[in-house]
Structures are given as C-alpha cells and as structure tokens.
Amino acid sequence: MEIDGARLISRIFALGETGLEENGRRVRLAADDADRAARDLAQLAGA
C-alpha cells in the first residue's frame, strides 16, 4: 500500500479546522454539528 502524504496532511489539517473557534480553541462536543463534520471527514479519508 502506498500513502499519498500530501493528501494525508491535507485531511489532517481539514480535520483540525473542524470545530475551530475564533479564539483558536478547538471544540467538538459529542454529537454536535462540528463533531458530525469531523466524523464525516474521517469517513471520507477511508474512501
């Protein structure tokens, strides 16, 4: 298996942006919209 490093880093950064507040804190409460978006991104990573 070959890993596309650029794609992996891109997805990690996208996940890090999910739930990012204006003050720089990352908040993803379980089952809120940001958490759902993060889980959706993680599922896409497996695709």
PDB file of N, CA and C in Angstrom:
ATOM      1  N   MET A   1       0.838  -1.165   0.000  1.00  0.00           N
ATOM      2  CA  MET A   1       0.000   0.000   0.000  1.00  0.00           C
ATOM      3  C   MET A   1       0.890   1.238   0.000  1.00  0.00           C
ATOM      4  N   GLU A   2       0.499   2.205  -0.809  1.00  0.00           N
ATOM      5  CA  GLU A   2       1.251   3.456  -0.873  1.00  0.00           C
ATOM      6  C   GLU A   2       0.381   4.570  -0.292  1.00  0.00           C
ATOM      7  N   ILE A   3       0.975   5.399   0.542  1.00  0.00           N
ATOM      8  CA  ILE A   3       0.253   6.501   1.171  1.00  0.00           C
ATOM      9  C   ILE A   3       0.607   7.806   0.469  1.00  0.00           C
ATOM     10  N   ASP A   4      -0.429   8.544   0.100  1.00  0.00           N
ATOM     11  CA  ASP A   4      -0.251   9.860  -0.509  1.00  0.00           C
ATOM     12  C   ASP A   4      -0.073  10.854   0.637  1.00  0.00           C
ATOM     13  N   GLY A   5       1.161  11.209   0.926  1.00  0.00           N
ATOM     14  CA  GLY A   5       1.482  12.066   2.065  1.00  0.00           C
ATOM     15  C   GLY A   5       0.801  13.421   2.008  1.00  0.00           C
ATOM     16  N   ALA A   6       0.749  14.027   0.835  1.00  0.00           N
ATOM     17  CA  ALA A   6       0.112  15.343   0.699  1.00  0.00           C
ATOM     18  C   ALA A   6      -1.381  15.253   0.998  1.00  0.00           C
ATOM     19  N   ARG A   7      -1.998  14.197   0.524  1.00  0.00           N
ATOM     20  CA  ARG A   7      -3.439  14.008   0.778  1.00  0.00           C
ATOM     21  C   ARG A   7      -3.688  13.777   2.262  1.00  0.00           C
ATOM     22  N   LEU A   8      -2.854  12.980   2.902  1.00  0.00           N
ATOM     23  CA  LEU A   8      -2.994  12.704   4.323  1.00  0.00           C
ATOM     24  C   LEU A   8      -2.871  13.987   5.137  1.00  0.00           C
ATOM     25  N   ILE A   9      -1.853  14.777   4.871  1.00  0.00           N
ATOM     26  CA  ILE A   9      -1.648  16.034   5.597  1.00  0.00           C
ATOM     27  C   ILE A   9      -2.823  16.976   5.365  1.00  0.00           C
ATOM     28  N   SER A  10      -3.309  17.038   4.140  1.00  0.00           N
ATOM     29  CA  SER A  10      -4.451  17.897   3.819  1.00  0.00           C
ATOM     30  C   SER A  10      -5.672  17.507   4.646  1.00  0.00           C
ATOM     31  N   ARG A  11      -5.918  16.229   4.756  1.00  0.00           N
ATOM     32  CA  ARG A  11      -7.078  15.759   5.526  1.00  0.00           C
ATOM     33  C   ARG A  11      -6.892  15.973   7.022  1.00  0.00           C
ATOM     34  N   ILE A  12      -5.677  15.835   7.512  1.00  0.00           N
ATOM     35  CA  ILE A  12      -5.413  16.096   8.926  1.00  0.00           C
ATOM     36  C   ILE A  12      -5.678  17.568   9.244  1.00  0.00           C
ATOM     37  N   PHE A  13      -5.221  18.457   8.378  1.00  0.00           N
ATOM     38  CA  PHE A  13      -5.458  19.887   8.591  1.00  0.00           C
ATOM     39  C   PHE A  13      -6.944  20.217   8.489  1.00  0.00           C
ATOM     40  N   ALA A  14      -7.646  19.598   7.555  1.00  0.00           N
ATOM     41  CA  ALA A  14      -9.090  19.825   7.429  1.00  0.00           C
ATOM     42  C   ALA A  14      -9.808  19.379   8.698  1.00  0.00           C
ATOM     43  N   LEU A  15      -9.412  18.252   9.240  1.00  0.00           N
ATOM     44  CA  LEU A  15      -9.997  17.768  10.487  1.00  0.00           C
ATOM     45  C   LEU A  15      -9.705  18.739  11.623  1.00  0.00           C
ATOM     46  N   GLY A  16      -8.490  19.288  11.662  1.00  0.00           N
ATOM     47  CA  GLY A  16      -8.124  20.250  12.696  1.00  0.00           C
ATOM     48  C   GLY A  16      -8.915  21.539  12.618  1.00  0.00           C
ATOM     49  N   GLU A  17      -9.375  21.906  11.427  1.00  0.00           N
ATOM     50  CA  GLU A  17     -10.171  23.126  11.259  1.00  0.00           C
ATOM     51  C   GLU A  17     -11.609  22.936  11.734  1.00  0.00           C
ATOM     52  N   THR A  18     -12.053  21.692  11.804  1.00  0.00           N
ATOM     53  CA  THR A  18     -13.420  21.408  12.208  1.00  0.00           C
ATOM     54  C   THR A  18     -13.589  21.702  13.688  1.00  0.00           C
ATOM     55  N   GLY A  19     -14.519  22.590  13.999  1.00  0.00           N
ATOM     56  CA  GLY A  19     -14.767  22.965  15.388  1.00  0.00           C
ATOM     57  C   GLY A  19     -13.837  24.043  15.902  1.00  0.00           C
ATOM     58  N   LEU A  20     -13.077  24.665  15.025  1.00  0.00           N
ATOM     59  CA  LEU A  20     -12.139  25.715  15.428  1.00  0.00           C
ATOM     60  C   LEU A  20     -12.908  26.999  15.706  1.00  0.00           C
ATOM     61  N   GLU A  21     -12.729  27.538  16.905  1.00  0.00           N
ATOM     62  CA  GLU A  21     -13.395  28.777  17.288  1.00  0.00           C
ATOM     63  C   GLU A  21     -12.520  29.972  16.939  1.00  0.00           C
ATOM     64  N   GLU A  22     -13.107  31.161  16.964  1.00  0.00           N
ATOM     65  CA  GLU A  22     -12.384  32.386  16.613  1.00  0.00           C
ATOM     66  C   GLU A  22     -11.156  32.612  17.487  1.00  0.00           C
ATOM     67  N   ASN A  23     -11.212  32.171  18.734  1.00  0.00           N
ATOM     68  CA  ASN A  23     -10.086  32.376  19.652  1.00  0.00           C
ATOM     69  C   ASN A  23      -9.003  31.309  19.504  1.00  0.00           C
ATOM     70  N   GLY A  24      -9.178  30.393  18.540  1.00  0.00           N
ATOM     71  CA  GLY A  24      -8.169  29.372  18.278  1.00  0.00           C
ATOM     72  C   GLY A  24      -8.399  28.057  18.986  1.00  0.00           C
ATOM     73  N   ARG A  25      -9.388  28.010  19.864  1.00  0.00           N
ATOM     74  CA  ARG A  25      -9.694  26.748  20.553  1.00  0.00           C
ATOM     75  C   ARG A  25     -10.418  25.803  19.617  1.00  0.00           C
ATOM     76  N   ARG A  26     -10.176  24.533  19.807  1.00  0.00           N
ATOM     77  CA  ARG A  26     -10.910  23.517  19.056  1.00  0.00           C
ATOM     78  C   ARG A  26     -11.917  22.880  19.998  1.00  0.00           C
ATOM     79  N   VAL A  27     -13.167  22.965  19.622  1.00  0.00           N
ATOM     80  CA  VAL A  27     -14.224  22.410  20.455  1.00  0.00           C
ATOM     81  C   VAL A  27     -15.130  21.564  19.570  1.00  0.00           C
ATOM     82  N   ARG A  28     -15.219  20.295  19.910  1.00  0.00           N
ATOM     83  CA  ARG A  28     -16.149  19.409  19.211  1.00  0.00           C
ATOM     84  C   ARG A  28     -16.856  18.567  20.270  1.00  0.00           C
ATOM     85  N   LEU A  29     -18.010  19.043  20.683  1.00  0.00           N
ATOM     86  CA  LEU A  29     -18.794  18.293  21.650  1.00  0.00           C
ATOM     87  C   LEU A  29     -19.396  17.082  20.952  1.00  0.00           C
ATOM     88  N   ALA A  30     -19.516  16.006  21.688  1.00  0.00           N
ATOM     89  CA  ALA A  30     -20.064  14.781  21.105  1.00  0.00           C
ATOM     90  C   ALA A  30     -21.450  15.037  20.526  1.00  0.00           C
ATOM     91  N   ALA A  31     -21.642  14.607  19.312  1.00  0.00           N
ATOM     92  CA  ALA A  31     -22.921  14.651  18.600  1.00  0.00           C
ATOM     93  C   ALA A  31     -23.364  16.055  18.186  1.00  0.00           C
ATOM     94  N   ASP A  32     -22.483  17.055  18.264  1.00  0.00           N
ATOM     95  CA  ASP A  32     -22.864  18.366  17.735  1.00  0.00           C
ATOM     96  C   ASP A  32     -22.466  18.443  16.260  1.00  0.00           C
ATOM     97  N   ASP A  33     -22.771  19.559  15.615  1.00  0.00           N
ATOM     98  CA  ASP A  33     -22.513  19.675  14.173  1.00  0.00           C
ATOM     99  C   ASP A  33     -21.035  19.553  13.834  1.00  0.00           C
ATOM    100  N   ALA A  34     -20.157  20.138  14.659  1.00  0.00           N
ATOM    101  CA  ALA A  34     -18.718  20.065  14.398  1.00  0.00           C
ATOM    102  C   ALA A  34     -18.215  18.627  14.548  1.00  0.00           C
ATOM    103  N   ASP A  35     -18.724  17.921  15.546  1.00  0.00           N
ATOM    104  CA  ASP A  35     -18.330  16.524  15.736  1.00  0.00           C
ATOM    105  C   ASP A  35     -18.792  15.680  14.553  1.00  0.00           C
ATOM    106  N   ARG A  36     -20.002  15.923  14.108  1.00  0.00           N
ATOM    107  CA  ARG A  36     -20.532  15.190  12.955  1.00  0.00           C
ATOM    108  C   ARG A  36     -19.690  15.465  11.710  1.00  0.00           C
ATOM    109  N   ALA A  37     -19.322  16.726  11.517  1.00  0.00           N
ATOM    110  CA  ALA A  37     -18.489  17.082  10.359  1.00  0.00           C
ATOM    111  C   ALA A  37     -17.127  16.399  10.444  1.00  0.00           C
ATOM    112  N   ALA A  38     -16.556  16.343  11.644  1.00  0.00           N
ATOM    113  CA  ALA A  38     -15.256  15.682  11.814  1.00  0.00           C
ATOM    114  C   ALA A  38     -15.365  14.190  11.518  1.00  0.00           C
ATOM    115  N   ARG A  39     -16.427  13.560  11.975  1.00  0.00           N
ATOM    116  CA  ARG A  39     -16.608  12.139  11.695  1.00  0.00           C
ATOM    117  C   ARG A  39     -16.812  11.893  10.204  1.00  0.00           C
ATOM    118  N   ASP A  40     -17.553  12.797   9.552  1.00  0.00           N
ATOM    119  CA  ASP A  40     -17.757  12.668   8.106  1.00  0.00           C
ATOM    120  C   ASP A  40     -16.418  12.770   7.374  1.00  0.00           C
ATOM    121  N   LEU A  41     -15.555  13.712   7.798  1.00  0.00           N
ATOM    122  CA  LEU A  41     -14.225  13.847   7.177  1.00  0.00           C
ATOM    123  C   LEU A  41     -13.398  12.585   7.374  1.00  0.00           C
ATOM    124  N   ALA A  42     -13.470  12.011   8.574  1.00  0.00           N
ATOM    125  CA  ALA A  42     -12.712  10.803   8.862  1.00  0.00           C
ATOM    126  C   ALA A  42     -13.195   9.639   7.984  1.00  0.00           C
ATOM    127  N   GLN A  43     -14.485   9.562   7.743  1.00  0.00           N
ATOM    128  CA  GLN A  43     -15.019   8.513   6.885  1.00  0.00           C
ATOM    129  C   GLN A  43     -14.559   8.710   5.448  1.00  0.00           C
ATOM    130  N   LEU A  44     -14.509   9.961   5.004  1.00  0.00           N
ATOM    131  CA  LEU A  44     -14.040  10.241   3.649  1.00  0.00           C
ATOM    132  C   LEU A  44     -12.579   9.830   3.467  1.00  0.00           C
ATOM    133  N   ALA A  45     -11.809   9.944   4.547  1.00  0.00           N
ATOM    134  CA  ALA A  45     -10.398   9.590   4.471  1.00  0.00           C
ATOM    135  C   ALA A  45     -10.209   8.115   4.144  1.00  0.00           C
ATOM    136  N   GLY A  46     -11.163   7.313   4.556  1.00  0.00           N
ATOM    137  CA  GLY A  46     -11.087   5.892   4.272  1.00  0.00           C
ATOM    138  C   GLY A  46     -11.528   5.535   2.856  1.00  0.00           C
ATOM    139  N   ALA A  47     -12.131   6.501   2.193  1.00  0.00           N
ATOM    140  CA  ALA A  47     -12.657   6.237   0.843  1.00  0.00           C
ATOM    141  C   ALA A  47     -11.578   6.326  -0.213  1.00  0.00           C
TER     142      ALA A  47
END
